[in-house]
Amino acid sequence: MNNHLKALRESRGWTQGNLADQLGVSRQTVNALETGRYDPALPLAFRIARLFDKPIESIFIPDDADVTTER
């Protein structure tokens, strides 16, 4: 899953450590999220979205974003 987390964090002037503290996770978790090595569980994704006041889907982009919805 791709994401815009690094750009959002940098736009606020925050370090990975600052963001980690606000989310209640480790700096290593933030790094893994930003580099795409870790996809957040839903509760963490919601915390990130609330922190940046954005919908989850504007931060996290599934790898299969071009797949149509099942009918």
PDB file of N, CA and C in Angstrom:
ATOM      1  N   MET A   1       0.844  -1.173   0.000  1.00  0.00           N
ATOM      2  CA  MET A   1       0.000   0.000   0.000  1.00  0.00           C
ATOM      3  C   MET A   1       0.889   1.235   0.000  1.00  0.00           C
ATOM      4  N   ASN A   2       0.561   2.162  -0.866  1.00  0.00           N
ATOM      5  CA  ASN A   2       1.277   3.435  -0.909  1.00  0.00           C
ATOM      6  C   ASN A   2       0.589   4.418   0.032  1.00  0.00           C
ATOM      7  N   ASN A   3       1.323   5.467   0.404  1.00  0.00           N
ATOM      8  CA  ASN A   3       0.716   6.469   1.275  1.00  0.00           C
ATOM      9  C   ASN A   3       1.403   7.814   1.122  1.00  0.00           C
ATOM     10  N   HIS A   4       0.755   8.830   1.665  1.00  0.00           N
ATOM     11  CA  HIS A   4       1.264  10.204   1.630  1.00  0.00           C
ATOM     12  C   HIS A   4       1.729  10.644   3.018  1.00  0.00           C
ATOM     13  N   LEU A   5       2.017   9.694   3.875  1.00  0.00           N
ATOM     14  CA  LEU A   5       2.315  10.008   5.266  1.00  0.00           C
ATOM     15  C   LEU A   5       3.554  10.895   5.416  1.00  0.00           C
ATOM     16  N   LYS A   6       4.623  10.587   4.712  1.00  0.00           N
ATOM     17  CA  LYS A   6       5.849  11.375   4.841  1.00  0.00           C
ATOM     18  C   LYS A   6       5.609  12.834   4.446  1.00  0.00           C
ATOM     19  N   ALA A   7       4.926  13.050   3.322  1.00  0.00           N
ATOM     20  CA  ALA A   7       4.643  14.416   2.871  1.00  0.00           C
ATOM     21  C   ALA A   7       3.775  15.157   3.883  1.00  0.00           C
ATOM     22  N   LEU A   8       2.777  14.477   4.432  1.00  0.00           N
ATOM     23  CA  LEU A   8       1.921  15.110   5.440  1.00  0.00           C
ATOM     24  C   LEU A   8       2.722  15.471   6.686  1.00  0.00           C
ATOM     25  N   ARG A   9       3.553  14.538   7.129  1.00  0.00           N
ATOM     26  CA  ARG A   9       4.378  14.783   8.321  1.00  0.00           C
ATOM     27  C   ARG A   9       5.316  15.959   8.083  1.00  0.00           C
ATOM     28  N   GLU A  10       6.001  15.957   6.945  1.00  0.00           N
ATOM     29  CA  GLU A  10       6.956  17.029   6.653  1.00  0.00           C
ATOM     30  C   GLU A  10       6.270  18.376   6.492  1.00  0.00           C
ATOM     31  N   SER A  11       5.037  18.379   5.974  1.00  0.00           N
ATOM     32  CA  SER A  11       4.311  19.649   5.809  1.00  0.00           C
ATOM     33  C   SER A  11       3.999  20.294   7.161  1.00  0.00           C
ATOM     34  N   ARG A  12       3.966  19.482   8.206  1.00  0.00           N
ATOM     35  CA  ARG A  12       3.736  20.002   9.554  1.00  0.00           C
ATOM     36  C   ARG A  12       5.040  20.309  10.283  1.00  0.00           C
ATOM     37  N   GLY A  13       6.169  19.971   9.656  1.00  0.00           N
ATOM     38  CA  GLY A  13       7.463  20.210  10.290  1.00  0.00           C
ATOM     39  C   GLY A  13       7.782  19.213  11.389  1.00  0.00           C
ATOM     40  N   TRP A  14       7.149  18.049  11.353  1.00  0.00           N
ATOM     41  CA  TRP A  14       7.342  17.038  12.385  1.00  0.00           C
ATOM     42  C   TRP A  14       8.424  16.042  11.988  1.00  0.00           C
ATOM     43  N   THR A  15       9.148  15.559  12.976  1.00  0.00           N
ATOM     44  CA  THR A  15      10.066  14.446  12.759  1.00  0.00           C
ATOM     45  C   THR A  15       9.267  13.155  12.866  1.00  0.00           C
ATOM     46  N   GLN A  16       9.900  12.058  12.478  1.00  0.00           N
ATOM     47  CA  GLN A  16       9.245  10.767  12.658  1.00  0.00           C
ATOM     48  C   GLN A  16       8.962  10.521  14.140  1.00  0.00           C
ATOM     49  N   GLY A  17       9.874  10.961  14.993  1.00  0.00           N
ATOM     50  CA  GLY A  17       9.688  10.806  16.431  1.00  0.00           C
ATOM     51  C   GLY A  17       8.499  11.590  16.955  1.00  0.00           C
ATOM     52  N   ASN A  18       8.334  12.829  16.453  1.00  0.00           N
ATOM     53  CA  ASN A  18       7.175  13.644  16.852  1.00  0.00           C
ATOM     54  C   ASN A  18       5.872  12.954  16.483  1.00  0.00           C
ATOM     55  N   LEU A  19       5.800  12.462  15.249  1.00  0.00           N
ATOM     56  CA  LEU A  19       4.595  11.783  14.791  1.00  0.00           C
ATOM     57  C   LEU A  19       4.350  10.511  15.591  1.00  0.00           C
ATOM     58  N   ALA A  20       5.406   9.764  15.833  1.00  0.00           N
ATOM     59  CA  ALA A  20       5.282   8.529  16.607  1.00  0.00           C
ATOM     60  C   ALA A  20       4.702   8.812  17.993  1.00  0.00           C
ATOM     61  N   ASP A  21       5.198   9.852  18.645  1.00  0.00           N
ATOM     62  CA  ASP A  21       4.692  10.210  19.977  1.00  0.00           C
ATOM     63  C   ASP A  21       3.204  10.534  19.940  1.00  0.00           C
ATOM     64  N   GLN A  22       2.783  11.262  18.922  1.00  0.00           N
ATOM     65  CA  GLN A  22       1.377  11.653  18.821  1.00  0.00           C
ATOM     66  C   GLN A  22       0.463  10.465  18.517  1.00  0.00           C
ATOM     67  N   LEU A  23       1.021   9.452  17.854  1.00  0.00           N
ATOM     68  CA  LEU A  23       0.229   8.277  17.499  1.00  0.00           C
ATOM     69  C   LEU A  23       0.333   7.153  18.525  1.00  0.00           C
ATOM     70  N   GLY A  24       1.303   7.261  19.427  1.00  0.00           N
ATOM     71  CA  GLY A  24       1.492   6.211  20.419  1.00  0.00           C
ATOM     72  C   GLY A  24       2.161   4.971  19.853  1.00  0.00           C
ATOM     73  N   VAL A  25       3.046   5.184  18.862  1.00  0.00           N
ATOM     74  CA  VAL A  25       3.798   4.082  18.261  1.00  0.00           C
ATOM     75  C   VAL A  25       5.284   4.441  18.300  1.00  0.00           C
ATOM     76  N   SER A  26       6.126   3.518  17.864  1.00  0.00           N
ATOM     77  CA  SER A  26       7.567   3.793  17.838  1.00  0.00           C
ATOM     78  C   SER A  26       7.942   4.562  16.571  1.00  0.00           C
ATOM     79  N   ARG A  27       9.100   5.200  16.612  1.00  0.00           N
ATOM     80  CA  ARG A  27       9.613   5.889  15.429  1.00  0.00           C
ATOM     81  C   ARG A  27       9.841   4.883  14.301  1.00  0.00           C
ATOM     82  N   GLN A  28      10.259   3.672  14.675  1.00  0.00           N
ATOM     83  CA  GLN A  28      10.489   2.634  13.679  1.00  0.00           C
ATOM     84  C   GLN A  28       9.197   2.269  12.951  1.00  0.00           C
ATOM     85  N   THR A  29       8.072   2.298  13.669  1.00  0.00           N
ATOM     86  CA  THR A  29       6.782   2.029  13.033  1.00  0.00           C
ATOM     87  C   THR A  29       6.456   3.108  12.022  1.00  0.00           C
ATOM     88  N   VAL A  30       6.684   4.362  12.392  1.00  0.00           N
ATOM     89  CA  VAL A  30       6.434   5.469  11.452  1.00  0.00           C
ATOM     90  C   VAL A  30       7.319   5.305  10.222  1.00  0.00           C
ATOM     91  N   ASN A  31       8.581   4.973  10.415  1.00  0.00           N
ATOM     92  CA  ASN A  31       9.491   4.769   9.290  1.00  0.00           C
ATOM     93  C   ASN A  31       8.988   3.644   8.394  1.00  0.00           C
ATOM     94  N   ALA A  32       8.558   2.539   8.992  1.00  0.00           N
ATOM     95  CA  ALA A  32       8.059   1.398   8.212  1.00  0.00           C
ATOM     96  C   ALA A  32       6.782   1.766   7.450  1.00  0.00           C
ATOM     97  N   LEU A  33       5.926   2.581   8.053  1.00  0.00           N
ATOM     98  CA  LEU A  33       4.721   3.048   7.364  1.00  0.00           C
ATOM     99  C   LEU A  33       5.093   3.909   6.164  1.00  0.00           C
ATOM    100  N   GLU A  34       5.989   4.865   6.390  1.00  0.00           N
ATOM    101  CA  GLU A  34       6.370   5.798   5.332  1.00  0.00           C
ATOM    102  C   GLU A  34       7.048   5.110   4.151  1.00  0.00           C
ATOM    103  N   THR A  35       7.794   4.063   4.418  1.00  0.00           N
ATOM    104  CA  THR A  35       8.521   3.370   3.348  1.00  0.00           C
ATOM    105  C   THR A  35       7.720   2.224   2.744  1.00  0.00           C
ATOM    106  N   GLY A  36       6.497   2.008   3.234  1.00  0.00           N
ATOM    107  CA  GLY A  36       5.644   0.975   2.680  1.00  0.00           C
ATOM    108  C   GLY A  36       5.975  -0.437   3.121  1.00  0.00           C
ATOM    109  N   ARG A  37       6.813  -0.571   4.144  1.00  0.00           N
ATOM    110  CA  ARG A  37       7.147  -1.903   4.649  1.00  0.00           C
ATOM    111  C   ARG A  37       6.103  -2.414   5.633  1.00  0.00           C
ATOM    112  N   TYR A  38       5.178  -1.553   6.038  1.00  0.00           N
ATOM    113  CA  TYR A  38       4.166  -1.923   7.028  1.00  0.00           C
ATOM    114  C   TYR A  38       2.864  -1.209   6.684  1.00  0.00           C
ATOM    115  N   ASP A  39       1.790  -1.970   6.610  1.00  0.00           N
ATOM    116  CA  ASP A  39       0.460  -1.396   6.412  1.00  0.00           C
ATOM    117  C   ASP A  39      -0.220  -1.329   7.772  1.00  0.00           C
ATOM    118  N   PRO A  40      -0.772  -0.172   8.125  1.00  0.00           N
ATOM    119  CA  PRO A  40      -1.359  -0.034   9.459  1.00  0.00           C
ATOM    120  C   PRO A  40      -2.649  -0.826   9.621  1.00  0.00           C
ATOM    121  N   ALA A  41      -2.884  -1.263  10.840  1.00  0.00           N
ATOM    122  CA  ALA A  41      -4.186  -1.835  11.186  1.00  0.00           C
ATOM    123  C   ALA A  41      -5.198  -0.690  11.162  1.00  0.00           C
ATOM    124  N   LEU A  42      -6.452  -1.018  11.042  1.00  0.00           N
ATOM    125  CA  LEU A  42      -7.484   0.009  10.944  1.00  0.00           C
ATOM    126  C   LEU A  42      -7.485   1.022  12.087  1.00  0.00           C
ATOM    127  N   PRO A  43      -7.349   0.599  13.349  1.00  0.00           N
ATOM    128  CA  PRO A  43      -7.341   1.611  14.415  1.00  0.00           C
ATOM    129  C   PRO A  43      -6.213   2.637  14.245  1.00  0.00           C
ATOM    130  N   LEU A  44      -5.036   2.183  13.838  1.00  0.00           N
ATOM    131  CA  LEU A  44      -3.924   3.116  13.626  1.00  0.00           C
ATOM    132  C   LEU A  44      -4.194   3.992  12.412  1.00  0.00           C
ATOM    133  N   ALA A  45      -4.735   3.437  11.355  1.00  0.00           N
ATOM    134  CA  ALA A  45      -5.060   4.234  10.170  1.00  0.00           C
ATOM    135  C   ALA A  45      -6.061   5.334  10.522  1.00  0.00           C
ATOM    136  N   PHE A  46      -7.053   5.005  11.355  1.00  0.00           N
ATOM    137  CA  PHE A  46      -8.018   6.025  11.787  1.00  0.00           C
ATOM    138  C   PHE A  46      -7.350   7.098  12.639  1.00  0.00           C
ATOM    139  N   ARG A  47      -6.434   6.716  13.526  1.00  0.00           N
ATOM    140  CA  ARG A  47      -5.711   7.716  14.338  1.00  0.00           C
ATOM    141  C   ARG A  47      -4.913   8.659  13.449  1.00  0.00           C
ATOM    142  N   ILE A  48      -4.256   8.109  12.435  1.00  0.00           N
ATOM    143  CA  ILE A  48      -3.478   8.931  11.508  1.00  0.00           C
ATOM    144  C   ILE A  48      -4.406   9.884  10.763  1.00  0.00           C
ATOM    145  N   ALA A  49      -5.511   9.374  10.261  1.00  0.00           N
ATOM    146  CA  ALA A  49      -6.458  10.212   9.523  1.00  0.00           C
ATOM    147  C   ALA A  49      -7.006  11.342  10.403  1.00  0.00           C
ATOM    148  N   ARG A  50      -7.361  11.024  11.643  1.00  0.00           N
ATOM    149  CA  ARG A  50      -7.874  12.057  12.557  1.00  0.00           C
ATOM    150  C   ARG A  50      -6.801  13.096  12.857  1.00  0.00           C
ATOM    151  N   LEU A  51      -5.573  12.650  13.061  1.00  0.00           N
ATOM    152  CA  LEU A  51      -4.486  13.572  13.382  1.00  0.00           C
ATOM    153  C   LEU A  51      -4.278  14.591  12.265  1.00  0.00           C
ATOM    154  N   PHE A  52      -4.356  14.123  11.022  1.00  0.00           N
ATOM    155  CA  PHE A  52      -4.148  15.023   9.885  1.00  0.00           C
ATOM    156  C   PHE A  52      -5.452  15.603   9.346  1.00  0.00           C
ATOM    157  N   ASP A  53      -6.573  15.259   9.976  1.00  0.00           N
ATOM    158  CA  ASP A  53      -7.893  15.762   9.575  1.00  0.00           C
ATOM    159  C   ASP A  53      -8.159  15.499   8.097  1.00  0.00           C
ATOM    160  N   LYS A  54      -7.923  14.238   7.697  1.00  0.00           N
ATOM    161  CA  LYS A  54      -8.118  13.820   6.313  1.00  0.00           C
ATOM    162  C   LYS A  54      -8.787  12.457   6.298  1.00  0.00           C
ATOM    163  N   PRO A  55      -9.521  12.150   5.228  1.00  0.00           N
ATOM    164  CA  PRO A  55     -10.081  10.798   5.107  1.00  0.00           C
ATOM    165  C   PRO A  55      -8.955   9.781   4.909  1.00  0.00           C
ATOM    166  N   ILE A  56      -9.152   8.592   5.417  1.00  0.00           N
ATOM    167  CA  ILE A  56      -8.138   7.533   5.286  1.00  0.00           C
ATOM    168  C   ILE A  56      -7.732   7.354   3.828  1.00  0.00           C
ATOM    169  N   GLU A  57      -8.711   7.339   2.934  1.00  0.00           N
ATOM    170  CA  GLU A  57      -8.396   7.064   1.529  1.00  0.00           C
ATOM    171  C   GLU A  57      -7.599   8.170   0.856  1.00  0.00           C
ATOM    172  N   SER A  58      -7.494   9.347   1.484  1.00  0.00           N
ATOM    173  CA  SER A  58      -6.637  10.385   0.912  1.00  0.00           C
ATOM    174  C   SER A  58      -5.193  10.254   1.401  1.00  0.00           C
ATOM    175  N   ILE A  59      -4.973   9.403   2.397  1.00  0.00           N
ATOM    176  CA  ILE A  59      -3.625   9.172   2.929  1.00  0.00           C
ATOM    177  C   ILE A  59      -3.058   7.853   2.427  1.00  0.00           C
ATOM    178  N   PHE A  60      -3.880   6.817   2.441  1.00  0.00           N
ATOM    179  CA  PHE A  60      -3.443   5.473   2.066  1.00  0.00           C
ATOM    180  C   PHE A  60      -4.079   5.068   0.745  1.00  0.00           C
ATOM    181  N   ILE A  61      -3.250   4.602  -0.177  1.00  0.00           N
ATOM    182  CA  ILE A  61      -3.707   4.217  -1.499  1.00  0.00           C
ATOM    183  C   ILE A  61      -3.409   2.735  -1.706  1.00  0.00           C
ATOM    184  N   PRO A  62      -4.452   1.907  -1.814  1.00  0.00           N
ATOM    185  CA  PRO A  62      -4.207   0.477  -2.027  1.00  0.00           C
ATOM    186  C   PRO A  62      -3.458   0.233  -3.331  1.00  0.00           C
ATOM    187  N   ASP A  63      -2.651  -0.816  -3.352  1.00  0.00           N
ATOM    188  CA  ASP A  63      -1.909  -1.166  -4.558  1.00  0.00           C
ATOM    189  C   ASP A  63      -2.846  -1.457  -5.718  1.00  0.00           C
ATOM    190  N   ASP A  64      -4.041  -1.948  -5.413  1.00  0.00           N
ATOM    191  CA  ASP A  64      -5.013  -2.278  -6.453  1.00  0.00           C
ATOM    192  C   ASP A  64      -6.084  -1.195  -6.588  1.00  0.00           C
ATOM    193  N   ALA A  65      -5.680   0.055  -6.493  1.00  0.00           N
ATOM    194  CA  ALA A  65      -6.627   1.171  -6.495  1.00  0.00           C
ATOM    195  C   ALA A  65      -7.443   1.252  -7.783  1.00  0.00           C
ATOM    196  N   ASP A  66      -6.988   0.621  -8.846  1.00  0.00           N
ATOM    197  CA  ASP A  66      -7.731   0.706 -10.101  1.00  0.00           C
ATOM    198  C   ASP A  66      -8.740  -0.428 -10.256  1.00  0.00           C
ATOM    199  N   VAL A  67      -8.880  -1.285  -9.242  1.00  0.00           N
ATOM    200  CA  VAL A  67      -9.827  -2.389  -9.295  1.00  0.00           C
ATOM    201  C   VAL A  67     -11.232  -1.851  -9.083  1.00  0.00           C
ATOM    202  N   THR A  68     -12.169  -2.297  -9.905  1.00  0.00           N
ATOM    203  CA  THR A  68     -13.553  -1.834  -9.787  1.00  0.00           C
ATOM    204  C   THR A  68     -14.248  -2.528  -8.632  1.00  0.00           C
ATOM    205  N   THR A  69     -15.292  -1.925  -8.137  1.00  0.00           N
ATOM    206  CA  THR A  69     -16.071  -2.480  -7.032  1.00  0.00           C
ATOM    207  C   THR A  69     -16.897  -3.654  -7.523  1.00  0.00           C
ATOM    208  N   GLU A  70     -16.972  -4.701  -6.702  1.00  0.00           N
ATOM    209  CA  GLU A  70     -17.789  -5.860  -7.051  1.00  0.00           C
ATOM    210  C   GLU A  70     -19.258  -5.479  -7.016  1.00  0.00           C
ATOM    211  N   ARG A  71     -20.045  -6.112  -7.862  1.00  0.00           N
ATOM    212  CA  ARG A  71     -21.485  -5.825  -7.908  1.00  0.00           C
ATOM    213  C   ARG A  71     -22.251  -6.995  -7.430  1.00  0.00           C
TER     214      ARG A  71
END
